[in-house]
N, C-alpha and C. Protein backbone atom coordinates (compact mmCIF):
# COMPACT_ATOMS: atom_id res chain seq x y z
N MET A 1 -17.48 -6.57 13.24
CA MET A 1 -16.28 -6.37 12.46
C MET A 1 -15.67 -7.74 12.15
N GLN A 2 -15.24 -7.91 10.93
CA GLN A 2 -14.64 -9.17 10.49
C GLN A 2 -13.21 -9.29 11.04
N PRO A 3 -12.72 -10.52 11.23
CA PRO A 3 -11.35 -10.70 11.74
C PRO A 3 -10.29 -10.00 10.88
N TYR A 4 -10.43 -10.04 9.56
CA TYR A 4 -9.42 -9.41 8.71
C TYR A 4 -9.44 -7.89 8.88
N GLU A 5 -10.61 -7.31 9.19
CA GLU A 5 -10.69 -5.87 9.44
C GLU A 5 -9.99 -5.53 10.75
N GLU A 6 -10.15 -6.37 11.75
CA GLU A 6 -9.44 -6.18 13.02
C GLU A 6 -7.94 -6.29 12.80
N GLN A 7 -7.53 -7.23 11.94
CA GLN A 7 -6.11 -7.38 11.64
C GLN A 7 -5.56 -6.14 10.94
N LEU A 8 -6.33 -5.60 10.00
CA LEU A 8 -5.90 -4.39 9.29
C LEU A 8 -5.74 -3.24 10.28
N ILE A 9 -6.68 -3.09 11.19
CA ILE A 9 -6.60 -2.03 12.20
C ILE A 9 -5.37 -2.24 13.08
N ALA A 10 -5.11 -3.48 13.46
CA ALA A 10 -3.93 -3.77 14.28
C ALA A 10 -2.64 -3.44 13.54
N LEU A 11 -2.58 -3.74 12.26
CA LEU A 11 -1.41 -3.41 11.45
C LEU A 11 -1.22 -1.90 11.39
N LEU A 12 -2.30 -1.17 11.16
CA LEU A 12 -2.21 0.29 11.07
C LEU A 12 -1.85 0.90 12.42
N ARG A 13 -2.47 0.40 13.47
CA ARG A 13 -2.18 0.91 14.81
C ARG A 13 -0.70 0.72 15.14
N GLY A 14 -0.20 -0.45 14.88
CA GLY A 14 1.22 -0.71 15.14
C GLY A 14 2.12 0.18 14.31
N ALA A 15 1.75 0.39 13.05
CA ALA A 15 2.56 1.23 12.17
C ALA A 15 2.59 2.67 12.66
N VAL A 16 1.43 3.21 12.99
CA VAL A 16 1.34 4.61 13.41
C VAL A 16 2.00 4.82 14.77
N ARG A 17 1.84 3.88 15.68
CA ARG A 17 2.40 4.02 17.02
C ARG A 17 3.84 3.54 17.12
N LYS A 18 4.36 3.04 16.01
CA LYS A 18 5.71 2.49 15.98
C LYS A 18 5.89 1.38 17.01
N GLU A 19 4.88 0.51 17.06
CA GLU A 19 4.88 -0.65 17.94
C GLU A 19 5.03 -1.89 17.07
N PRO A 20 5.33 -3.03 17.67
CA PRO A 20 5.42 -4.27 16.88
C PRO A 20 4.13 -4.50 16.09
N VAL A 21 4.32 -4.86 14.83
CA VAL A 21 3.19 -5.07 13.93
C VAL A 21 2.99 -6.57 13.74
N PRO A 22 1.78 -7.08 13.93
CA PRO A 22 1.52 -8.53 13.87
C PRO A 22 1.41 -9.07 12.44
N PHE A 23 2.51 -8.98 11.69
CA PHE A 23 2.47 -9.42 10.29
C PHE A 23 2.17 -10.90 10.14
N GLU A 24 2.75 -11.72 11.02
CA GLU A 24 2.61 -13.17 10.86
C GLU A 24 1.19 -13.66 11.07
N ALA A 25 0.36 -12.89 11.78
CA ALA A 25 -1.01 -13.31 12.06
C ALA A 25 -2.01 -12.84 11.01
N ALA A 26 -1.57 -12.04 10.08
CA ALA A 26 -2.50 -11.44 9.12
C ALA A 26 -3.01 -12.45 8.10
N ASP A 27 -4.28 -12.38 7.81
CA ASP A 27 -4.90 -13.12 6.71
C ASP A 27 -4.73 -12.26 5.46
N TRP A 28 -3.55 -12.37 4.85
CA TRP A 28 -3.17 -11.46 3.77
C TRP A 28 -4.13 -11.52 2.59
N ASP A 29 -4.75 -12.65 2.35
CA ASP A 29 -5.70 -12.77 1.23
C ASP A 29 -6.91 -11.85 1.42
N ARG A 30 -7.21 -11.49 2.64
CA ARG A 30 -8.34 -10.60 2.92
C ARG A 30 -7.87 -9.21 3.35
N VAL A 31 -6.73 -9.14 4.06
CA VAL A 31 -6.23 -7.86 4.54
C VAL A 31 -5.75 -6.98 3.39
N LEU A 32 -5.01 -7.56 2.45
CA LEU A 32 -4.48 -6.76 1.34
C LEU A 32 -5.58 -6.09 0.51
N PRO A 33 -6.61 -6.81 0.09
CA PRO A 33 -7.68 -6.12 -0.67
C PRO A 33 -8.35 -5.01 0.14
N ALA A 34 -8.52 -5.22 1.44
CA ALA A 34 -9.13 -4.17 2.28
C ALA A 34 -8.19 -2.96 2.36
N ALA A 35 -6.91 -3.21 2.54
CA ALA A 35 -5.93 -2.11 2.59
C ALA A 35 -5.89 -1.39 1.24
N ARG A 36 -5.90 -2.16 0.17
CA ARG A 36 -5.87 -1.58 -1.19
C ARG A 36 -7.08 -0.70 -1.45
N ALA A 37 -8.24 -1.11 -0.97
CA ALA A 37 -9.47 -0.36 -1.20
C ALA A 37 -9.40 1.04 -0.57
N HIS A 38 -8.58 1.19 0.46
CA HIS A 38 -8.47 2.48 1.14
C HIS A 38 -7.08 3.11 0.97
N HIS A 39 -6.29 2.57 0.05
CA HIS A 39 -4.95 3.10 -0.25
C HIS A 39 -4.05 3.11 0.99
N LEU A 40 -4.09 2.04 1.77
CA LEU A 40 -3.35 1.98 3.03
C LEU A 40 -2.08 1.13 2.96
N GLU A 41 -1.82 0.50 1.82
CA GLU A 41 -0.65 -0.39 1.75
C GLU A 41 0.65 0.32 2.09
N PRO A 42 0.88 1.56 1.59
CA PRO A 42 2.16 2.21 1.93
C PRO A 42 2.30 2.47 3.43
N LEU A 43 1.21 2.75 4.11
CA LEU A 43 1.29 2.96 5.56
C LEU A 43 1.72 1.69 6.27
N ILE A 44 1.15 0.58 5.86
CA ILE A 44 1.52 -0.70 6.47
C ILE A 44 2.99 -0.98 6.20
N PHE A 45 3.41 -0.77 4.98
CA PHE A 45 4.80 -1.04 4.59
C PHE A 45 5.77 -0.13 5.35
N ASN A 46 5.55 1.19 5.27
CA ASN A 46 6.47 2.14 5.90
C ASN A 46 6.45 2.07 7.41
N GLY A 47 5.33 1.73 7.98
CA GLY A 47 5.23 1.68 9.43
C GLY A 47 5.80 0.43 10.06
N GLY A 48 6.01 -0.59 9.27
CA GLY A 48 6.46 -1.84 9.86
C GLY A 48 7.70 -2.41 9.21
N LEU A 49 8.61 -1.55 8.79
CA LEU A 49 9.79 -2.01 8.06
C LEU A 49 10.60 -3.06 8.83
N GLU A 50 10.66 -2.93 10.15
CA GLU A 50 11.47 -3.88 10.92
C GLU A 50 10.85 -5.28 10.94
N GLY A 51 9.57 -5.40 10.63
CA GLY A 51 8.92 -6.71 10.66
C GLY A 51 8.70 -7.32 9.29
N LEU A 52 9.31 -6.75 8.27
CA LEU A 52 9.04 -7.22 6.91
C LEU A 52 9.43 -8.67 6.69
N ARG A 53 10.40 -9.16 7.43
CA ARG A 53 10.81 -10.56 7.24
C ARG A 53 9.70 -11.53 7.61
N LEU A 54 8.69 -11.06 8.33
CA LEU A 54 7.58 -11.91 8.73
C LEU A 54 6.48 -11.98 7.67
N MET A 55 6.63 -11.22 6.61
CA MET A 55 5.62 -11.21 5.54
C MET A 55 5.97 -12.23 4.47
N PRO A 56 4.97 -12.83 3.87
CA PRO A 56 5.24 -13.66 2.70
C PRO A 56 5.80 -12.80 1.57
N GLY A 57 6.65 -13.37 0.74
CA GLY A 57 7.29 -12.64 -0.35
C GLY A 57 6.34 -11.85 -1.25
N PRO A 58 5.25 -12.47 -1.74
CA PRO A 58 4.33 -11.73 -2.61
C PRO A 58 3.67 -10.54 -1.90
N VAL A 59 3.44 -10.67 -0.60
CA VAL A 59 2.85 -9.57 0.16
C VAL A 59 3.86 -8.43 0.23
N TRP A 60 5.11 -8.76 0.56
CA TRP A 60 6.16 -7.75 0.61
C TRP A 60 6.28 -7.06 -0.75
N ASP A 61 6.24 -7.84 -1.83
CA ASP A 61 6.35 -7.26 -3.17
C ASP A 61 5.24 -6.24 -3.42
N GLU A 62 4.01 -6.60 -3.09
CA GLU A 62 2.89 -5.69 -3.34
C GLU A 62 2.98 -4.44 -2.46
N LEU A 63 3.29 -4.63 -1.19
CA LEU A 63 3.38 -3.48 -0.29
C LEU A 63 4.53 -2.56 -0.67
N SER A 64 5.66 -3.11 -1.04
CA SER A 64 6.80 -2.26 -1.42
C SER A 64 6.52 -1.52 -2.72
N ARG A 65 5.85 -2.17 -3.65
CA ARG A 65 5.47 -1.53 -4.92
C ARG A 65 4.49 -0.38 -4.64
N SER A 66 3.54 -0.61 -3.76
CA SER A 66 2.58 0.44 -3.40
C SER A 66 3.27 1.61 -2.73
N ALA A 67 4.25 1.32 -1.87
CA ALA A 67 4.98 2.40 -1.19
C ALA A 67 5.77 3.22 -2.20
N ALA A 68 6.40 2.56 -3.17
CA ALA A 68 7.15 3.29 -4.20
C ALA A 68 6.21 4.15 -5.04
N CYS A 69 5.05 3.61 -5.39
CA CYS A 69 4.07 4.39 -6.16
C CYS A 69 3.57 5.58 -5.36
N ALA A 70 3.42 5.42 -4.05
CA ALA A 70 2.97 6.52 -3.20
C ALA A 70 3.98 7.66 -3.21
N VAL A 71 5.26 7.32 -3.19
CA VAL A 71 6.30 8.36 -3.24
C VAL A 71 6.21 9.09 -4.58
N PHE A 72 6.08 8.35 -5.66
CA PHE A 72 5.98 8.96 -6.99
C PHE A 72 4.75 9.87 -7.07
N ARG A 73 3.63 9.39 -6.56
CA ARG A 73 2.39 10.18 -6.59
C ARG A 73 2.53 11.46 -5.76
N GLU A 74 3.20 11.35 -4.61
CA GLU A 74 3.39 12.53 -3.78
C GLU A 74 4.23 13.58 -4.50
N VAL A 75 5.26 13.14 -5.20
CA VAL A 75 6.09 14.08 -5.97
C VAL A 75 5.24 14.75 -7.05
N GLN A 76 4.41 13.98 -7.73
CA GLN A 76 3.52 14.55 -8.75
C GLN A 76 2.57 15.58 -8.13
N GLN A 77 1.98 15.23 -7.01
CA GLN A 77 1.02 16.14 -6.37
C GLN A 77 1.71 17.40 -5.85
N ASP A 78 2.88 17.26 -5.27
CA ASP A 78 3.62 18.43 -4.80
C ASP A 78 3.94 19.37 -5.96
N HIS A 79 4.37 18.79 -7.06
CA HIS A 79 4.68 19.60 -8.25
C HIS A 79 3.41 20.29 -8.77
N ALA A 80 2.31 19.55 -8.84
CA ALA A 80 1.05 20.14 -9.31
C ALA A 80 0.60 21.26 -8.38
N ALA A 81 0.71 21.07 -7.06
CA ALA A 81 0.30 22.10 -6.11
C ALA A 81 1.13 23.37 -6.29
N GLN A 82 2.41 23.20 -6.54
CA GLN A 82 3.28 24.36 -6.77
C GLN A 82 2.89 25.08 -8.06
N MET A 83 2.64 24.32 -9.11
CA MET A 83 2.25 24.93 -10.40
C MET A 83 0.90 25.65 -10.27
N ILE A 84 -0.05 25.03 -9.59
CA ILE A 84 -1.37 25.64 -9.40
C ILE A 84 -1.24 26.91 -8.58
N ARG A 85 -0.47 26.84 -7.52
CA ARG A 85 -0.28 28.02 -6.67
C ARG A 85 0.28 29.18 -7.48
N GLU A 86 1.33 28.92 -8.24
CA GLU A 86 1.94 29.98 -9.05
C GLU A 86 0.95 30.54 -10.06
N ARG A 87 0.21 29.66 -10.70
CA ARG A 87 -0.75 30.08 -11.73
C ARG A 87 -1.87 30.92 -11.12
N LEU A 88 -2.44 30.46 -10.01
CA LEU A 88 -3.55 31.19 -9.39
C LEU A 88 -3.10 32.50 -8.75
N MET A 89 -1.91 32.52 -8.19
CA MET A 89 -1.38 33.77 -7.62
C MET A 89 -1.14 34.80 -8.72
N THR A 90 -0.56 34.35 -9.82
CA THR A 90 -0.31 35.25 -10.95
C THR A 90 -1.62 35.82 -11.49
N ALA A 91 -2.66 34.99 -11.52
CA ALA A 91 -3.96 35.42 -12.02
C ALA A 91 -4.77 36.16 -10.93
N GLU A 92 -4.17 36.33 -9.75
CA GLU A 92 -4.82 37.02 -8.63
C GLU A 92 -6.16 36.39 -8.24
N ILE A 93 -6.15 35.06 -8.18
CA ILE A 93 -7.33 34.30 -7.77
C ILE A 93 -7.10 33.83 -6.34
N PRO A 94 -7.88 34.34 -5.37
CA PRO A 94 -7.72 33.88 -3.98
C PRO A 94 -8.05 32.39 -3.86
N HIS A 95 -7.24 31.68 -3.11
CA HIS A 95 -7.45 30.24 -2.92
C HIS A 95 -6.70 29.78 -1.68
N VAL A 96 -7.13 28.64 -1.14
CA VAL A 96 -6.47 28.04 0.01
C VAL A 96 -6.36 26.54 -0.25
N LEU A 97 -5.16 26.01 -0.12
CA LEU A 97 -4.95 24.57 -0.20
C LEU A 97 -5.42 23.96 1.11
N LEU A 98 -6.17 22.86 1.03
CA LEU A 98 -6.80 22.26 2.21
C LEU A 98 -6.39 20.81 2.42
N ARG A 99 -6.80 20.28 3.53
CA ARG A 99 -6.83 18.87 3.90
C ARG A 99 -5.48 18.19 3.83
N GLY A 100 -5.43 17.04 3.15
CA GLY A 100 -4.25 16.18 3.18
C GLY A 100 -2.96 16.85 2.74
N ALA A 101 -3.02 17.68 1.72
CA ALA A 101 -1.81 18.33 1.21
C ALA A 101 -1.19 19.25 2.26
N VAL A 102 -2.02 19.81 3.12
CA VAL A 102 -1.54 20.70 4.17
C VAL A 102 -1.08 19.89 5.38
N LEU A 103 -1.79 18.83 5.70
CA LEU A 103 -1.54 18.07 6.93
C LEU A 103 -0.53 16.95 6.79
N LYS A 104 -0.12 16.61 5.57
CA LYS A 104 0.71 15.42 5.39
C LYS A 104 2.02 15.46 6.16
N GLY A 105 2.56 16.64 6.38
CA GLY A 105 3.81 16.74 7.14
C GLY A 105 3.65 16.38 8.61
N ASP A 106 2.42 16.43 9.09
CA ASP A 106 2.15 16.10 10.49
C ASP A 106 1.73 14.65 10.69
N TYR A 107 1.62 13.88 9.60
CA TYR A 107 1.21 12.50 9.73
C TYR A 107 2.35 11.71 10.35
N PRO A 108 2.08 10.78 11.24
CA PRO A 108 3.15 10.13 12.01
C PRO A 108 4.11 9.26 11.20
N ILE A 109 3.69 8.77 10.06
CA ILE A 109 4.60 7.97 9.23
C ILE A 109 4.39 8.35 7.78
N PRO A 110 5.43 8.20 6.94
CA PRO A 110 5.26 8.53 5.52
C PRO A 110 4.38 7.51 4.82
N GLY A 111 3.86 7.90 3.69
CA GLY A 111 3.14 6.96 2.86
C GLY A 111 1.65 7.14 2.82
N ARG A 112 1.12 8.15 3.49
CA ARG A 112 -0.33 8.39 3.44
C ARG A 112 -0.64 8.93 2.06
N VAL A 113 -1.38 8.17 1.30
CA VAL A 113 -1.69 8.53 -0.08
C VAL A 113 -2.88 9.48 -0.11
N MET A 114 -2.69 10.59 -0.79
CA MET A 114 -3.79 11.53 -1.00
C MET A 114 -4.42 11.22 -2.35
N ALA A 115 -5.73 11.20 -2.38
CA ALA A 115 -6.42 10.93 -3.64
C ALA A 115 -6.39 12.14 -4.56
N ASP A 116 -6.41 13.34 -3.95
CA ASP A 116 -6.49 14.54 -4.77
C ASP A 116 -5.95 15.73 -3.99
N LEU A 117 -5.94 16.87 -4.65
CA LEU A 117 -5.60 18.14 -4.01
C LEU A 117 -6.89 18.91 -3.84
N ASP A 118 -7.13 19.40 -2.64
CA ASP A 118 -8.37 20.13 -2.36
C ASP A 118 -8.06 21.61 -2.15
N TYR A 119 -8.85 22.45 -2.81
CA TYR A 119 -8.71 23.90 -2.68
C TYR A 119 -10.04 24.52 -2.31
N LEU A 120 -9.95 25.61 -1.59
CA LEU A 120 -11.12 26.45 -1.32
C LEU A 120 -10.94 27.71 -2.16
N ALA A 121 -11.95 28.00 -2.96
CA ALA A 121 -11.93 29.21 -3.80
C ALA A 121 -13.36 29.70 -3.95
N ARG A 122 -13.49 30.92 -4.38
CA ARG A 122 -14.83 31.49 -4.57
C ARG A 122 -15.45 30.93 -5.85
N VAL A 123 -16.72 30.60 -5.77
CA VAL A 123 -17.43 30.05 -6.94
C VAL A 123 -17.40 31.05 -8.09
N GLU A 124 -17.50 32.32 -7.80
CA GLU A 124 -17.50 33.32 -8.87
C GLU A 124 -16.16 33.38 -9.63
N ASP A 125 -15.10 32.81 -9.03
CA ASP A 125 -13.80 32.75 -9.72
C ASP A 125 -13.66 31.51 -10.59
N TYR A 126 -14.68 30.66 -10.61
CA TYR A 126 -14.60 29.40 -11.36
C TYR A 126 -14.18 29.58 -12.81
N PRO A 127 -14.78 30.52 -13.58
CA PRO A 127 -14.35 30.64 -14.98
C PRO A 127 -12.85 30.95 -15.11
N LYS A 128 -12.33 31.79 -14.22
CA LYS A 128 -10.90 32.10 -14.27
C LYS A 128 -10.07 30.88 -13.86
N ILE A 129 -10.56 30.15 -12.85
CA ILE A 129 -9.84 28.95 -12.40
C ILE A 129 -9.80 27.92 -13.53
N GLN A 130 -10.92 27.74 -14.21
CA GLN A 130 -10.96 26.79 -15.31
C GLN A 130 -9.95 27.17 -16.39
N ARG A 131 -9.87 28.44 -16.72
CA ARG A 131 -8.89 28.89 -17.74
C ARG A 131 -7.47 28.57 -17.29
N GLU A 132 -7.19 28.83 -16.02
CA GLU A 132 -5.83 28.58 -15.51
C GLU A 132 -5.52 27.08 -15.48
N MET A 133 -6.48 26.27 -15.11
CA MET A 133 -6.27 24.81 -15.11
C MET A 133 -6.02 24.32 -16.54
N GLU A 134 -6.76 24.85 -17.48
CA GLU A 134 -6.57 24.46 -18.89
C GLU A 134 -5.19 24.86 -19.39
N LYS A 135 -4.68 26.01 -18.92
CA LYS A 135 -3.33 26.43 -19.30
C LYS A 135 -2.29 25.45 -18.78
N LEU A 136 -2.61 24.77 -17.68
CA LEU A 136 -1.71 23.75 -17.12
C LEU A 136 -1.92 22.38 -17.76
N GLY A 137 -2.81 22.31 -18.75
CA GLY A 137 -3.09 21.04 -19.41
C GLY A 137 -4.21 20.27 -18.77
N GLY A 138 -4.90 20.87 -17.79
CA GLY A 138 -5.97 20.18 -17.09
C GLY A 138 -7.26 20.16 -17.89
N ARG A 139 -8.10 19.21 -17.53
CA ARG A 139 -9.43 19.14 -18.15
C ARG A 139 -10.47 18.95 -17.06
N LEU A 140 -11.62 19.54 -17.28
CA LEU A 140 -12.71 19.45 -16.33
C LEU A 140 -13.21 18.02 -16.27
N GLU A 141 -13.26 17.47 -15.05
CA GLU A 141 -13.74 16.11 -14.85
C GLU A 141 -15.15 16.08 -14.29
N HIS A 142 -15.46 17.06 -13.44
CA HIS A 142 -16.74 17.02 -12.73
C HIS A 142 -17.09 18.44 -12.28
N GLN A 143 -18.37 18.75 -12.38
CA GLN A 143 -18.87 20.04 -11.89
C GLN A 143 -20.21 19.78 -11.23
N ASP A 144 -20.31 20.21 -9.97
CA ASP A 144 -21.55 19.98 -9.21
C ASP A 144 -21.73 21.15 -8.26
N GLY A 145 -22.53 22.12 -8.66
CA GLY A 145 -22.74 23.30 -7.83
C GLY A 145 -21.43 24.01 -7.59
N GLY A 146 -21.01 24.06 -6.34
CA GLY A 146 -19.76 24.74 -6.00
C GLY A 146 -18.55 23.83 -5.96
N HIS A 147 -18.67 22.62 -6.48
CA HIS A 147 -17.55 21.67 -6.47
C HIS A 147 -17.11 21.41 -7.90
N PHE A 148 -15.82 21.60 -8.16
CA PHE A 148 -15.27 21.40 -9.49
C PHE A 148 -14.05 20.49 -9.39
N SER A 149 -13.90 19.57 -10.30
CA SER A 149 -12.74 18.68 -10.32
C SER A 149 -12.06 18.76 -11.66
N PHE A 150 -10.74 18.84 -11.62
CA PHE A 150 -9.93 18.86 -12.83
C PHE A 150 -8.92 17.74 -12.75
N LEU A 151 -8.55 17.21 -13.89
CA LEU A 151 -7.49 16.22 -13.97
C LEU A 151 -6.32 16.88 -14.69
N LEU A 152 -5.20 16.99 -13.98
CA LEU A 152 -3.98 17.56 -14.55
C LEU A 152 -3.05 16.43 -14.93
N PRO A 153 -2.33 16.61 -16.04
CA PRO A 153 -1.37 15.57 -16.40
C PRO A 153 -0.26 15.50 -15.35
N PRO A 154 0.26 14.31 -15.06
CA PRO A 154 -0.02 13.04 -15.70
C PRO A 154 -1.24 12.33 -15.14
N GLU A 155 -1.76 12.59 -14.01
CA GLU A 155 -2.99 12.00 -13.46
C GLU A 155 -3.21 12.54 -12.07
N VAL A 156 -3.18 13.85 -11.92
CA VAL A 156 -3.39 14.47 -10.60
C VAL A 156 -4.78 15.07 -10.58
N LEU A 157 -5.59 14.63 -9.65
CA LEU A 157 -6.95 15.13 -9.51
C LEU A 157 -6.96 16.31 -8.56
N VAL A 158 -7.60 17.40 -9.01
CA VAL A 158 -7.67 18.65 -8.23
C VAL A 158 -9.13 18.98 -8.05
């Protein structure tokens, strides 16, 4: 494991456990791109608010911007999940919301970015699901056997 990866893990561990976060020791030129690649910047920011004065200004700017974007994205995803639920229930299509959207309330700190909304539904309901997604303005992005992806405006992947 590279030193910057160990630093990223230490930052995340401190954020999640609400322990002191070693901001001053971070190699930000390497840690930030690694955090960005996994959408972890908001976790680092939200988990270590008391240590922000130890961050260089440009690092604080990027992390705070990422945290704000995460809040905006969460609002978009929550709204999309509500719209999808209403649409699928009205159409009497059985479905279950899965993974991050269900578990996010149990995450120890805010800011965990979800890439998409995951649902479990019957493959035979796919044509009806596609019609309902299209009614919401969605478009088919990917289809692979029993896996279907739609993009709903403004940019929510389902």
